[in-house]
Amino acid sequence: MASDKSTLPLVLVVGATGHTGGSIAHALLDSHNFRVAALIRPASETKPATQALRAAGVEIRLGDITDDLAKLKAHLAGVAIVVSAVVAWTVTEQKDLIRAAKEVGVQRFVPCDFGTPGKRGVRALHDLKLDIREFIQELGVPHTFIDVGWWMQLAVPLPSRSAALDVAKAMTYELHGTGKQSYLLTNREHIGTFVARIIADPRTLNKAVIVWEDEVREEDAHALGERLSGEEAALKAKRRLCADLCDRRTQLSKEQIEAQAAEATALVEKNPTNPLAHATQSWNEYMISIHILGENTLAYAKSLGYLDARELYPDAPKYTFEDFAKEYYALEEPGREYLGL
């Protein structure tokens, strides 16, 4: 068995200790189609997330994307495919890793995208990611660009029993624009499974792929969440109470969302490594893209040239937003994504 595994292509995951990167690393292992390595900063070597990767069978390579070109080429020894899932404020630092990948002959580079599709000039982070895409293409590096529907985990109202802060709960009660714009959704935990199929597929080389599992309207997502939460009346009451106490509408206009995004942008400019400022800026810019401009739809993604993952893999299990919501409200703590706020 070991000799068979040694012939499998080696995938290096960058950012494997994060939510998306971890999902990808474990799904690649579960596919049994790849050997998996992770580029881990030396300071993170003893962290539980790193130990969990090692225990699962991931090869740990100590280094950083800010290392010099010679070291980056060494990190890429034997690597066939690179999948990057770095944190937001290091997106532009992928360039030297891409240069190194070009020099050592990496067969496919997947940069850190994993967001919703859209045009330039709406989301600052998305613009940086588009810059990286152009850099890859100009350099002639074989690639696949992968975007995903909005996380289902962020599309449901938080129940009152969640330990998330009230400000986080208030965010989940808001509707944006009319609330009637449909948008693509993906369970965050399923992203890795799709990535494993996409990077093994010759049809996706030098293409962009959109991963999604359901398409709903925001007002319908909220209504479904409230009903399945088991506290529908309480959530509706909290939504009204929050609007009164916080002096904020629960149905936000384009102008209100833009104002919130501008405030957060100013904070990011003061401190580019402030994760909360980045998250707030990104959240509001996403709301404009998704709910005001309607960019997160299958039709729009296809108009940009994306391949549809559900058309590529019709045998993938059908999974709906309702399936997710039932699982979500059965969790002991449904608001894990918000606990760091």
C-alpha atoms as a PDB file:
ATOM      1  CA  MET A   1       0.000   0.000   0.000  1.00  0.00           C
ATOM      2  CA  ALA A   2       2.826   2.422   0.834  1.00  0.00           C
ATOM      3  CA  SER A   3       4.399   1.909  -2.584  1.00  0.00           C
ATOM      4  CA  ASP A   4       1.032   2.598  -4.259  1.00  0.00           C
ATOM      5  CA  LYS A   5       0.637   5.808  -2.293  1.00  0.00           C
ATOM      6  CA  SER A   6       4.107   6.938  -3.249  1.00  0.00           C
ATOM      7  CA  THR A   7       3.007   7.175  -6.878  1.00  0.00           C
ATOM      8  CA  LEU A   8       0.117   9.526  -6.114  1.00  0.00           C
ATOM      9  CA  PRO A   9       0.564  13.215  -7.002  1.00  0.00           C
ATOM     10  CA  LEU A  10       1.675  15.373  -4.081  1.00  0.00           C
ATOM     11  CA  VAL A  11      -0.465  18.398  -3.227  1.00  0.00           C
ATOM     12  CA  LEU A  12       0.962  21.188  -1.080  1.00  0.00           C
ATOM     13  CA  VAL A  13      -1.731  23.047   0.858  1.00  0.00           C
ATOM     14  CA  VAL A  14      -0.819  26.518   2.060  1.00  0.00           C
ATOM     15  CA  GLY A  15      -2.979  27.741   4.939  1.00  0.00           C
ATOM     16  CA  ALA A  16      -3.943  24.222   5.988  1.00  0.00           C
ATOM     17  CA  THR A  17      -4.518  25.210   9.631  1.00  0.00           C
ATOM     18  CA  GLY A  18      -7.365  27.549   8.636  1.00  0.00           C
ATOM     19  CA  HIS A  19     -11.030  26.653   8.100  1.00  0.00           C
ATOM     20  CA  THR A  20     -10.932  26.378   4.312  1.00  0.00           C
ATOM     21  CA  GLY A  21      -7.378  25.035   4.079  1.00  0.00           C
ATOM     22  CA  GLY A  22      -8.054  22.391   6.699  1.00  0.00           C
ATOM     23  CA  SER A  23     -11.208  21.253   4.927  1.00  0.00           C
ATOM     24  CA  ILE A  24      -9.232  20.948   1.705  1.00  0.00           C
ATOM     25  CA  ALA A  25      -6.297  19.045   3.242  1.00  0.00           C
ATOM     26  CA  HIS A  26      -8.526  16.458   4.906  1.00  0.00           C
ATOM     27  CA  ALA A  27     -10.738  16.046   1.829  1.00  0.00           C
ATOM     28  CA  LEU A  28      -7.691  15.459  -0.354  1.00  0.00           C
ATOM     29  CA  LEU A  29      -6.614  12.669   1.990  1.00  0.00           C
ATOM     30  CA  ASP A  30     -10.115  11.211   2.074  1.00  0.00           C
ATOM     31  CA  SER A  31     -10.210  11.091  -1.726  1.00  0.00           C
ATOM     32  CA  HIS A  32      -7.255   8.638  -1.730  1.00  0.00           C
ATOM     33  CA  ASN A  33      -6.111  10.297  -4.969  1.00  0.00           C
ATOM     34  CA  PHE A  34      -3.311  12.410  -3.514  1.00  0.00           C
ATOM     35  CA  ARG A  35      -0.495  12.603  -1.050  1.00  0.00           C
ATOM     36  CA  VAL A  36      -0.798  15.800   0.966  1.00  0.00           C
ATOM     37  CA  ALA A  37       1.770  18.176   2.440  1.00  0.00           C
ATOM     38  CA  ALA A  38       1.173  21.415   4.299  1.00  0.00           C
ATOM     39  CA  LEU A  39       3.409  24.478   4.448  1.00  0.00           C
ATOM     40  CA  ILE A  40       3.366  25.478   8.115  1.00  0.00           C
ATOM     41  CA  ARG A  41       5.123  28.421   9.734  1.00  0.00           C
ATOM     42  CA  PRO A  42       7.692  27.276  12.310  1.00  0.00           C
ATOM     43  CA  ALA A  43       5.820  29.171  15.028  1.00  0.00           C
ATOM     44  CA  SER A  44       2.749  27.017  14.349  1.00  0.00           C
ATOM     45  CA  GLU A  45       4.522  23.652  14.407  1.00  0.00           C
ATOM     46  CA  THR A  46       3.260  22.665  17.865  1.00  0.00           C
ATOM     47  CA  LYS A  47      -0.276  24.033  17.504  1.00  0.00           C
ATOM     48  CA  PRO A  48      -3.165  21.546  17.805  1.00  0.00           C
ATOM     49  CA  ALA A  49      -4.264  22.156  14.214  1.00  0.00           C
ATOM     50  CA  THR A  50      -0.802  21.220  12.964  1.00  0.00           C
ATOM     51  CA  GLN A  51      -0.704  18.134  15.138  1.00  0.00           C
ATOM     52  CA  ALA A  52      -4.109  17.076  13.827  1.00  0.00           C
ATOM     53  CA  LEU A  53      -2.875  17.396  10.246  1.00  0.00           C
ATOM     54  CA  ARG A  54       0.218  15.330  11.015  1.00  0.00           C
ATOM     55  CA  ALA A  55      -1.859  12.660  12.760  1.00  0.00           C
ATOM     56  CA  ALA A  56      -4.144  12.457   9.730  1.00  0.00           C
ATOM     57  CA  GLY A  57      -1.206  11.725   7.455  1.00  0.00           C
ATOM     58  CA  VAL A  58      -0.292  15.173   6.148  1.00  0.00           C
ATOM     59  CA  GLU A  59       3.421  15.793   5.640  1.00  0.00           C
ATOM     60  CA  ILE A  60       4.418  18.962   7.497  1.00  0.00           C
ATOM     61  CA  ARG A  61       6.881  21.244   5.717  1.00  0.00           C
ATOM     62  CA  LEU A  62       8.100  24.139   7.843  1.00  0.00           C
ATOM     63  CA  GLY A  63       8.302  27.447   6.046  1.00  0.00           C
ATOM     64  CA  ASP A  64       6.427  30.573   5.020  1.00  0.00           C
ATOM     65  CA  ILE A  65       5.305  32.129   1.760  1.00  0.00           C
ATOM     66  CA  THR A  66       7.523  35.099   2.651  1.00  0.00           C
ATOM     67  CA  ASP A  67      10.653  32.912   2.458  1.00  0.00           C
ATOM     68  CA  ASP A  68      13.164  33.693  -0.298  1.00  0.00           C
ATOM     69  CA  LEU A  69      12.849  32.090  -3.717  1.00  0.00           C
ATOM     70  CA  ALA A  70      15.453  29.374  -3.047  1.00  0.00           C
ATOM     71  CA  LYS A  71      13.637  28.249   0.111  1.00  0.00           C
ATOM     72  CA  LEU A  72      10.257  28.341  -1.626  1.00  0.00           C
ATOM     73  CA  LYS A  73      11.584  26.120  -4.398  1.00  0.00           C
ATOM     74  CA  ALA A  74      12.819  23.696  -1.736  1.00  0.00           C
ATOM     75  CA  HIS A  75       9.369  23.693  -0.090  1.00  0.00           C
ATOM     76  CA  LEU A  76       7.943  22.704  -3.490  1.00  0.00           C
ATOM     77  CA  ALA A  77      10.213  19.709  -4.001  1.00  0.00           C
ATOM     78  CA  GLY A  78       8.200  16.884  -5.553  1.00  0.00           C
ATOM     79  CA  VAL A  79       4.973  18.907  -5.517  1.00  0.00           C
ATOM     80  CA  ALA A  80       2.582  18.458  -8.449  1.00  0.00           C
ATOM     81  CA  ILE A  81      -0.202  20.785  -7.298  1.00  0.00           C
ATOM     82  CA  VAL A  82      -0.317  23.785  -4.959  1.00  0.00           C
ATOM     83  CA  VAL A  83      -3.562  24.846  -3.265  1.00  0.00           C
ATOM     84  CA  SER A  84      -3.386  28.161  -1.433  1.00  0.00           C
ATOM     85  CA  ALA A  85      -5.861  29.151   1.286  1.00  0.00           C
ATOM     86  CA  VAL A  86      -3.952  31.964   2.985  1.00  0.00           C
ATOM     87  CA  VAL A  87      -5.450  34.621   5.261  1.00  0.00           C
ATOM     88  CA  ALA A  88      -6.871  37.749   3.654  1.00  0.00           C
ATOM     89  CA  TRP A  89      -4.025  40.146   4.413  1.00  0.00           C
ATOM     90  CA  THR A  90      -1.397  37.867   2.829  1.00  0.00           C
ATOM     91  CA  VAL A  91      -3.111  37.323  -0.532  1.00  0.00           C
ATOM     92  CA  THR A  92      -0.614  39.518  -2.381  1.00  0.00           C
ATOM     93  CA  GLU A  93       2.297  37.626  -0.786  1.00  0.00           C
ATOM     94  CA  GLN A  94       1.529  34.576  -2.959  1.00  0.00           C
ATOM     95  CA  LYS A  95       3.547  36.002  -5.877  1.00  0.00           C
ATOM     96  CA  ASP A  96       6.944  34.584  -4.925  1.00  0.00           C
ATOM     97  CA  LEU A  97       5.390  31.183  -4.297  1.00  0.00           C
ATOM     98  CA  ILE A  98       3.868  31.369  -7.778  1.00  0.00           C
ATOM     99  CA  ARG A  99       7.252  32.306  -9.256  1.00  0.00           C
ATOM    100  CA  ALA A 100       8.830  29.353  -7.465  1.00  0.00           C
ATOM    101  CA  ALA A 101       6.065  27.066  -8.736  1.00  0.00           C
ATOM    102  CA  LYS A 102       6.791  28.216 -12.266  1.00  0.00           C
ATOM    103  CA  GLU A 103      10.515  27.520 -11.898  1.00  0.00           C
ATOM    104  CA  VAL A 104      10.142  24.010 -10.460  1.00  0.00           C
ATOM    105  CA  GLY A 105       7.417  22.980 -12.899  1.00  0.00           C
ATOM    106  CA  VAL A 106       4.343  22.672 -10.648  1.00  0.00           C
ATOM    107  CA  GLN A 107       1.584  21.194 -12.799  1.00  0.00           C
ATOM    108  CA  ARG A 108      -1.315  23.189 -11.345  1.00  0.00           C
ATOM    109  CA  PHE A 109      -1.546  26.179  -9.015  1.00  0.00           C
ATOM    110  CA  VAL A 110      -4.810  26.969  -7.226  1.00  0.00           C
ATOM    111  CA  PRO A 111      -4.524  30.451  -5.693  1.00  0.00           C
ATOM    112  CA  CYS A 112      -6.472  31.647  -2.700  1.00  0.00           C
ATOM    113  CA  ASP A 113      -9.917  32.483  -4.083  1.00  0.00           C
ATOM    114  CA  PHE A 114     -12.779  30.490  -2.510  1.00  0.00           C
ATOM    115  CA  GLY A 115     -15.073  33.506  -2.487  1.00  0.00           C
ATOM    116  CA  THR A 116     -18.119  34.434  -4.557  1.00  0.00           C
ATOM    117  CA  PRO A 117     -17.768  35.555  -8.193  1.00  0.00           C
ATOM    118  CA  GLY A 118     -17.843  39.215  -9.144  1.00  0.00           C
ATOM    119  CA  LYS A 119     -16.365  42.048 -11.145  1.00  0.00           C
ATOM    120  CA  ARG A 120     -13.633  44.498 -10.175  1.00  0.00           C
ATOM    121  CA  GLY A 121     -14.270  47.574  -8.103  1.00  0.00           C
ATOM    122  CA  VAL A 122     -16.787  46.129  -5.627  1.00  0.00           C
ATOM    123  CA  ARG A 123     -14.731  44.126  -3.115  1.00  0.00           C
ATOM    124  CA  ALA A 124     -11.185  45.153  -2.215  1.00  0.00           C
ATOM    125  CA  LEU A 125     -10.125  41.611  -1.353  1.00  0.00           C
ATOM    126  CA  HIS A 126     -11.610  40.213  -4.552  1.00  0.00           C
ATOM    127  CA  ASP A 127      -9.676  42.802  -6.559  1.00  0.00           C
ATOM    128  CA  LEU A 128      -6.431  41.586  -4.969  1.00  0.00           C
ATOM    129  CA  LYS A 129      -7.369  38.015  -5.840  1.00  0.00           C
ATOM    130  CA  LEU A 130      -8.054  39.030  -9.441  1.00  0.00           C
ATOM    131  CA  ASP A 131      -4.608  40.655  -9.510  1.00  0.00           C
ATOM    132  CA  ILE A 132      -3.106  37.299  -8.478  1.00  0.00           C
ATOM    133  CA  ARG A 133      -5.073  35.525 -11.203  1.00  0.00           C
ATOM    134  CA  GLU A 134      -3.695  37.917 -13.811  1.00  0.00           C
ATOM    135  CA  PHE A 135      -0.173  37.423 -12.452  1.00  0.00           C
ATOM    136  CA  ILE A 136      -0.520  33.644 -12.789  1.00  0.00           C
ATOM    137  CA  GLN A 137      -1.790  33.932 -16.340  1.00  0.00           C
ATOM    138  CA  GLU A 138       0.919  36.400 -17.370  1.00  0.00           C
ATOM    139  CA  LEU A 139       3.578  34.096 -15.914  1.00  0.00           C
ATOM    140  CA  GLY A 140       2.106  31.130 -17.775  1.00  0.00           C
ATOM    141  CA  VAL A 141       1.593  28.946 -14.700  1.00  0.00           C
ATOM    142  CA  PRO A 142      -0.942  26.096 -15.168  1.00  0.00           C
ATOM    143  CA  HIS A 143      -3.835  26.885 -12.854  1.00  0.00           C
ATOM    144  CA  THR A 144      -7.407  26.460 -11.725  1.00  0.00           C
ATOM    145  CA  PHE A 145      -9.412  29.268 -10.131  1.00  0.00           C
ATOM    146  CA  ILE A 146     -12.093  28.082  -7.692  1.00  0.00           C
ATOM    147  CA  ASP A 147     -14.861  30.250  -6.282  1.00  0.00           C
ATOM    148  CA  VAL A 148     -17.718  29.110  -4.056  1.00  0.00           C
ATOM    149  CA  GLY A 149     -21.203  30.135  -3.065  1.00  0.00           C
ATOM    150  CA  TRP A 150     -21.682  32.129   0.132  1.00  0.00           C
ATOM    151  CA  TRP A 151     -21.178  29.904   3.160  1.00  0.00           C
ATOM    152  CA  MET A 152     -24.420  28.370   4.394  1.00  0.00           C
ATOM    153  CA  GLN A 153     -23.020  28.869   7.897  1.00  0.00           C
ATOM    154  CA  LEU A 154     -23.352  32.643   7.382  1.00  0.00           C
ATOM    155  CA  ALA A 155     -26.794  32.594   5.779  1.00  0.00           C
ATOM    156  CA  VAL A 156     -28.898  31.586   8.792  1.00  0.00           C
ATOM    157  CA  PRO A 157     -30.066  33.654  11.782  1.00  0.00           C
ATOM    158  CA  LEU A 158     -28.257  32.754  14.986  1.00  0.00           C
ATOM    159  CA  PRO A 159     -30.474  31.254  17.694  1.00  0.00           C
ATOM    160  CA  SER A 160     -30.638  32.958  21.066  1.00  0.00           C
ATOM    161  CA  ARG A 161     -28.795  30.053  22.744  1.00  0.00           C
ATOM    162  CA  SER A 162     -25.614  30.738  20.749  1.00  0.00           C
ATOM    163  CA  ALA A 163     -22.690  32.147  22.744  1.00  0.00           C
ATOM    164  CA  ALA A 164     -21.898  34.585  19.919  1.00  0.00           C
ATOM    165  CA  LEU A 165     -21.940  38.254  20.827  1.00  0.00           C
ATOM    166  CA  ASP A 166     -25.169  40.212  20.381  1.00  0.00           C
ATOM    167  CA  VAL A 167     -23.543  42.311  17.647  1.00  0.00           C
ATOM    168  CA  ALA A 168     -22.824  39.130  15.692  1.00  0.00           C
ATOM    169  CA  LYS A 169     -26.385  37.915  16.199  1.00  0.00           C
ATOM    170  CA  ALA A 170     -27.698  41.261  14.978  1.00  0.00           C
ATOM    171  CA  MET A 171     -25.721  40.870  11.748  1.00  0.00           C
ATOM    172  CA  THR A 172     -27.489  37.580  11.060  1.00  0.00           C
ATOM    173  CA  TYR A 173     -30.944  39.138  11.462  1.00  0.00           C
ATOM    174  CA  GLU A 174     -30.339  41.737   8.742  1.00  0.00           C
ATOM    175  CA  LEU A 175     -31.729  41.656   5.235  1.00  0.00           C
ATOM    176  CA  HIS A 176     -29.837  43.478   2.496  1.00  0.00           C
ATOM    177  CA  GLY A 177     -31.620  45.477  -0.162  1.00  0.00           C
ATOM    178  CA  THR A 178     -34.974  43.896  -0.890  1.00  0.00           C
ATOM    179  CA  GLY A 179     -33.954  40.485   0.453  1.00  0.00           C
ATOM    180  CA  LYS A 180     -35.356  38.977  -2.747  1.00  0.00           C
ATOM    181  CA  GLN A 181     -32.121  38.549  -4.703  1.00  0.00           C
ATOM    182  CA  SER A 182     -31.278  34.870  -5.156  1.00  0.00           C
ATOM    183  CA  TYR A 183     -27.737  33.784  -4.346  1.00  0.00           C
ATOM    184  CA  LEU A 184     -25.570  30.669  -4.413  1.00  0.00           C
ATOM    185  CA  LEU A 185     -24.806  28.826  -1.173  1.00  0.00           C
ATOM    186  CA  THR A 186     -22.190  26.241  -0.204  1.00  0.00           C
ATOM    187  CA  ASN A 187     -21.603  24.352   3.030  1.00  0.00           C
ATOM    188  CA  ARG A 188     -18.103  25.407   4.084  1.00  0.00           C
ATOM    189  CA  GLU A 189     -17.331  21.851   5.173  1.00  0.00           C
ATOM    190  CA  HIS A 190     -17.927  20.556   1.635  1.00  0.00           C
ATOM    191  CA  ILE A 191     -15.514  22.874  -0.173  1.00  0.00           C
ATOM    192  CA  GLY A 192     -12.596  20.481   0.201  1.00  0.00           C
ATOM    193  CA  THR A 193     -14.539  17.585  -1.314  1.00  0.00           C
ATOM    194  CA  PHE A 194     -15.222  19.622  -4.445  1.00  0.00           C
ATOM    195  CA  VAL A 195     -11.609  20.840  -4.593  1.00  0.00           C
ATOM    196  CA  ALA A 196     -10.366  17.240  -4.535  1.00  0.00           C
ATOM    197  CA  ARG A 197     -12.475  16.439  -7.590  1.00  0.00           C
ATOM    198  CA  ILE A 198     -11.675  19.662  -9.422  1.00  0.00           C
ATOM    199  CA  ILE A 199      -7.893  19.375  -9.213  1.00  0.00           C
ATOM    200  CA  ALA A 200      -7.998  15.752 -10.382  1.00  0.00           C
ATOM    201  CA  ASP A 201     -10.022  16.748 -13.447  1.00  0.00           C
ATOM    202  CA  PRO A 202      -8.163  17.635 -16.684  1.00  0.00           C
ATOM    203  CA  ARG A 203     -11.238  19.575 -17.865  1.00  0.00           C
ATOM    204  CA  THR A 204     -10.637  22.230 -15.205  1.00  0.00           C
ATOM    205  CA  LEU A 205      -6.996  22.992 -16.052  1.00  0.00           C
ATOM    206  CA  ASN A 206      -6.590  26.695 -16.843  1.00  0.00           C
ATOM    207  CA  LYS A 207     -10.291  27.247 -16.117  1.00  0.00           C
ATOM    208  CA  ALA A 208     -12.388  28.879 -13.390  1.00  0.00           C
ATOM    209  CA  VAL A 209     -14.941  26.743 -11.524  1.00  0.00           C
ATOM    210  CA  ILE A 210     -17.882  27.796  -9.358  1.00  0.00           C
ATOM    211  CA  VAL A 211     -18.785  25.450  -6.482  1.00  0.00           C
ATOM    212  CA  TRP A 212     -22.350  25.698  -5.152  1.00  0.00           C
ATOM    213  CA  GLU A 213     -25.017  23.487  -3.590  1.00  0.00           C
ATOM    214  CA  ASP A 214     -28.197  25.551  -3.499  1.00  0.00           C
ATOM    215  CA  GLU A 215     -29.567  28.887  -4.682  1.00  0.00           C
ATOM    216  CA  VAL A 216     -32.069  30.769  -2.501  1.00  0.00           C
ATOM    217  CA  ARG A 217     -33.339  34.256  -1.714  1.00  0.00           C
ATOM    218  CA  GLU A 218     -32.149  35.911   1.488  1.00  0.00           C
ATOM    219  CA  GLU A 219     -35.653  36.457   2.851  1.00  0.00           C
ATOM    220  CA  ASP A 220     -36.452  32.784   2.264  1.00  0.00           C
ATOM    221  CA  ALA A 221     -33.198  31.695   3.939  1.00  0.00           C
ATOM    222  CA  HIS A 222     -34.127  33.739   7.015  1.00  0.00           C
ATOM    223  CA  ALA A 223     -37.679  32.393   7.113  1.00  0.00           C
ATOM    224  CA  LEU A 224     -36.441  28.810   6.822  1.00  0.00           C
ATOM    225  CA  GLY A 225     -33.813  29.366   9.508  1.00  0.00           C
ATOM    226  CA  GLU A 226     -36.309  30.902  11.905  1.00  0.00           C
ATOM    227  CA  ARG A 227     -38.726  28.006  11.381  1.00  0.00           C
ATOM    228  CA  LEU A 228     -36.140  25.245  11.811  1.00  0.00           C
ATOM    229  CA  SER A 229     -34.418  26.919  14.762  1.00  0.00           C
ATOM    230  CA  GLY A 230     -37.228  25.869  17.073  1.00  0.00           C
ATOM    231  CA  GLU A 231     -37.617  29.445  18.294  1.00  0.00           C
ATOM    232  CA  GLU A 232     -39.286  31.171  15.370  1.00  0.00           C
ATOM    233  CA  ALA A 233     -41.358  33.619  17.393  1.00  0.00           C
ATOM    234  CA  ALA A 234     -38.423  34.481  19.668  1.00  0.00           C
ATOM    235  CA  LEU A 235     -36.093  35.140  16.739  1.00  0.00           C
ATOM    236  CA  LYS A 236     -38.600  37.388  15.029  1.00  0.00           C
ATOM    237  CA  ALA A 237     -39.087  39.291  18.281  1.00  0.00           C
ATOM    238  CA  LYS A 238     -35.324  39.609  18.785  1.00  0.00           C
ATOM    239  CA  ARG A 239     -34.961  40.919  15.258  1.00  0.00           C
ATOM    240  CA  ARG A 240     -37.490  43.665  15.986  1.00  0.00           C
ATOM    241  CA  LEU A 241     -35.974  44.382  19.421  1.00  0.00           C
ATOM    242  CA  CYS A 242     -32.464  44.632  17.998  1.00  0.00           C
ATOM    243  CA  ALA A 243     -33.646  47.134  15.417  1.00  0.00           C
ATOM    244  CA  ASP A 244     -35.148  49.291  18.171  1.00  0.00           C
ATOM    245  CA  LEU A 245     -32.305  49.059  20.704  1.00  0.00           C
ATOM    246  CA  CYS A 246     -29.409  49.310  18.259  1.00  0.00           C
ATOM    247  CA  ASP A 247     -31.079  52.113  16.280  1.00  0.00           C
ATOM    248  CA  ARG A 248     -30.403  50.173  13.126  1.00  0.00           C
ATOM    249  CA  ARG A 249     -32.667  48.796  10.446  1.00  0.00           C
ATOM    250  CA  THR A 250     -32.881  45.072   9.928  1.00  0.00           C
ATOM    251  CA  GLN A 251     -33.380  45.713   6.207  1.00  0.00           C
ATOM    252  CA  LEU A 252     -30.344  47.663   5.040  1.00  0.00           C
ATOM    253  CA  SER A 253     -30.206  49.840   1.958  1.00  0.00           C
ATOM    254  CA  LYS A 254     -27.308  50.002  -0.493  1.00  0.00           C
ATOM    255  CA  GLU A 255     -26.265  53.352   1.016  1.00  0.00           C
ATOM    256  CA  GLN A 256     -26.207  51.987   4.567  1.00  0.00           C
ATOM    257  CA  ILE A 257     -24.118  48.977   3.569  1.00  0.00           C
ATOM    258  CA  GLU A 258     -21.687  51.197   1.632  1.00  0.00           C
ATOM    259  CA  ALA A 259     -21.293  53.482   4.657  1.00  0.00           C
ATOM    260  CA  GLN A 260     -20.465  50.505   6.900  1.00  0.00           C
ATOM    261  CA  ALA A 261     -17.960  49.218   4.348  1.00  0.00           C
ATOM    262  CA  ALA A 262     -16.285  52.661   4.167  1.00  0.00           C
ATOM    263  CA  GLU A 263     -15.875  52.811   7.949  1.00  0.00           C
ATOM    264  CA  ALA A 264     -14.232  49.400   8.001  1.00  0.00           C
ATOM    265  CA  THR A 265     -12.002  50.283   5.041  1.00  0.00           C
ATOM    266  CA  ALA A 266     -10.653  53.253   6.970  1.00  0.00           C
ATOM    267  CA  LEU A 267      -9.782  50.943   9.869  1.00  0.00           C
ATOM    268  CA  VAL A 268      -8.009  48.515   7.525  1.00  0.00           C
ATOM    269  CA  GLU A 269      -5.950  51.373   6.101  1.00  0.00           C
ATOM    270  CA  LYS A 270      -4.868  52.321   9.628  1.00  0.00           C
ATOM    271  CA  ASN A 271      -3.968  48.735  10.530  1.00  0.00           C
ATOM    272  CA  PRO A 272      -3.766  46.277   7.578  1.00  0.00           C
ATOM    273  CA  THR A 273      -3.388  43.295   9.947  1.00  0.00           C
ATOM    274  CA  ASN A 274      -6.551  44.020  11.958  1.00  0.00           C
ATOM    275  CA  PRO A 275      -8.624  40.857  11.372  1.00  0.00           C
ATOM    276  CA  LEU A 276     -11.895  42.348  12.673  1.00  0.00           C
ATOM    277  CA  ALA A 277     -11.578  45.367  10.367  1.00  0.00           C
ATOM    278  CA  HIS A 278     -10.854  43.077   7.420  1.00  0.00           C
ATOM    279  CA  ALA A 279     -13.845  40.895   8.292  1.00  0.00           C
ATOM    280  CA  THR A 280     -16.196  43.891   8.611  1.00  0.00           C
ATOM    281  CA  GLN A 281     -14.980  45.451   5.362  1.00  0.00           C
ATOM    282  CA  SER A 282     -15.222  42.150   3.524  1.00  0.00           C
ATOM    283  CA  TRP A 283     -18.667  41.331   4.963  1.00  0.00           C
ATOM    284  CA  ASN A 284     -20.236  44.600   3.828  1.00  0.00           C
ATOM    285  CA  GLU A 285     -18.593  44.518   0.407  1.00  0.00           C
ATOM    286  CA  TYR A 286     -19.861  40.958  -0.006  1.00  0.00           C
ATOM    287  CA  MET A 287     -23.379  42.142   0.867  1.00  0.00           C
ATOM    288  CA  ILE A 288     -23.199  44.760  -1.894  1.00  0.00           C
ATOM    289  CA  SER A 289     -21.910  42.236  -4.415  1.00  0.00           C
ATOM    290  CA  ILE A 290     -24.339  39.472  -3.468  1.00  0.00           C
ATOM    291  CA  HIS A 291     -27.581  41.203  -2.524  1.00  0.00           C
ATOM    292  CA  ILE A 292     -27.437  44.590  -4.252  1.00  0.00           C
ATOM    293  CA  LEU A 293     -25.606  43.793  -7.501  1.00  0.00           C
ATOM    294  CA  GLY A 294     -26.705  40.155  -7.735  1.00  0.00           C
ATOM    295  CA  GLU A 295     -23.241  38.857  -8.637  1.00  0.00           C
ATOM    296  CA  ASN A 296     -23.463  35.558  -6.725  1.00  0.00           C
ATOM    297  CA  THR A 297     -25.751  33.690  -9.109  1.00  0.00           C
ATOM    298  CA  LEU A 298     -25.098  30.783 -11.415  1.00  0.00           C
ATOM    299  CA  ALA A 299     -26.094  32.827 -14.455  1.00  0.00           C
ATOM    300  CA  TYR A 300     -23.627  35.583 -13.566  1.00  0.00           C
ATOM    301  CA  ALA A 301     -20.799  33.132 -12.861  1.00  0.00           C
ATOM    302  CA  LYS A 302     -21.366  31.464 -16.221  1.00  0.00           C
ATOM    303  CA  SER A 303     -21.333  34.854 -17.925  1.00  0.00           C
ATOM    304  CA  LEU A 304     -17.815  35.306 -16.517  1.00  0.00           C
ATOM    305  CA  GLY A 305     -16.737  31.967 -17.985  1.00  0.00           C
ATOM    306  CA  TYR A 306     -16.931  29.753 -14.899  1.00  0.00           C
ATOM    307  CA  LEU A 307     -17.523  26.025 -15.228  1.00  0.00           C
ATOM    308  CA  ASP A 308     -20.366  24.741 -13.049  1.00  0.00           C
ATOM    309  CA  ALA A 309     -19.153  22.149 -10.524  1.00  0.00           C
ATOM    310  CA  ARG A 310     -22.605  20.560 -10.361  1.00  0.00           C
ATOM    311  CA  GLU A 311     -22.600  20.061 -14.127  1.00  0.00           C
ATOM    312  CA  LEU A 312     -19.063  18.685 -14.004  1.00  0.00           C
ATOM    313  CA  TYR A 313     -19.945  16.235 -11.215  1.00  0.00           C
ATOM    314  CA  PRO A 314     -23.633  15.287 -11.559  1.00  0.00           C
ATOM    315  CA  ASP A 315     -23.016  12.288  -9.280  1.00  0.00           C
ATOM    316  CA  ALA A 316     -22.197  14.549  -6.315  1.00  0.00           C
ATOM    317  CA  PRO A 317     -24.775  14.055  -3.540  1.00  0.00           C
ATOM    318  CA  LYS A 318     -27.584  16.610  -3.681  1.00  0.00           C
ATOM    319  CA  TYR A 319     -27.468  18.807  -0.607  1.00  0.00           C
ATOM    320  CA  THR A 320     -29.893  21.644   0.019  1.00  0.00           C
ATOM    321  CA  PHE A 321     -29.907  24.656   2.270  1.00  0.00           C
ATOM    322  CA  GLU A 322     -32.760  23.049   4.209  1.00  0.00           C
ATOM    323  CA  ASP A 323     -30.605  19.950   4.780  1.00  0.00           C
ATOM    324  CA  PHE A 324     -27.911  22.210   6.171  1.00  0.00           C
ATOM    325  CA  ALA A 325     -30.255  24.234   8.389  1.00  0.00           C
ATOM    326  CA  LYS A 326     -31.601  21.083  10.053  1.00  0.00           C
ATOM    327  CA  GLU A 327     -28.053  20.011  10.888  1.00  0.00           C
ATOM    328  CA  TYR A 328     -27.033  23.521  11.945  1.00  0.00           C
ATOM    329  CA  TYR A 329     -29.756  24.038  14.544  1.00  0.00           C
ATOM    330  CA  ALA A 330     -29.062  20.595  15.992  1.00  0.00           C
ATOM    331  CA  LEU A 331     -25.510  21.643  16.877  1.00  0.00           C
ATOM    332  CA  GLU A 332     -24.639  22.377  20.487  1.00  0.00           C
ATOM    333  CA  GLU A 333     -23.123  25.694  19.343  1.00  0.00           C
ATOM    334  CA  PRO A 334     -24.416  26.769  15.924  1.00  0.00           C
ATOM    335  CA  GLY A 335     -22.488  30.049  15.901  1.00  0.00           C
ATOM    336  CA  ARG A 336     -18.900  28.801  15.829  1.00  0.00           C
ATOM    337  CA  GLU A 337     -18.018  31.015  12.852  1.00  0.00           C
ATOM    338  CA  TYR A 338     -18.855  34.098  14.928  1.00  0.00           C
ATOM    339  CA  LEU A 339     -17.226  33.241  18.248  1.00  0.00           C
ATOM    340  CA  GLY A 340     -14.006  35.086  17.390  1.00  0.00           C
ATOM    341  CA  LEU A 341     -15.805  38.392  16.825  1.00  0.00           C
END
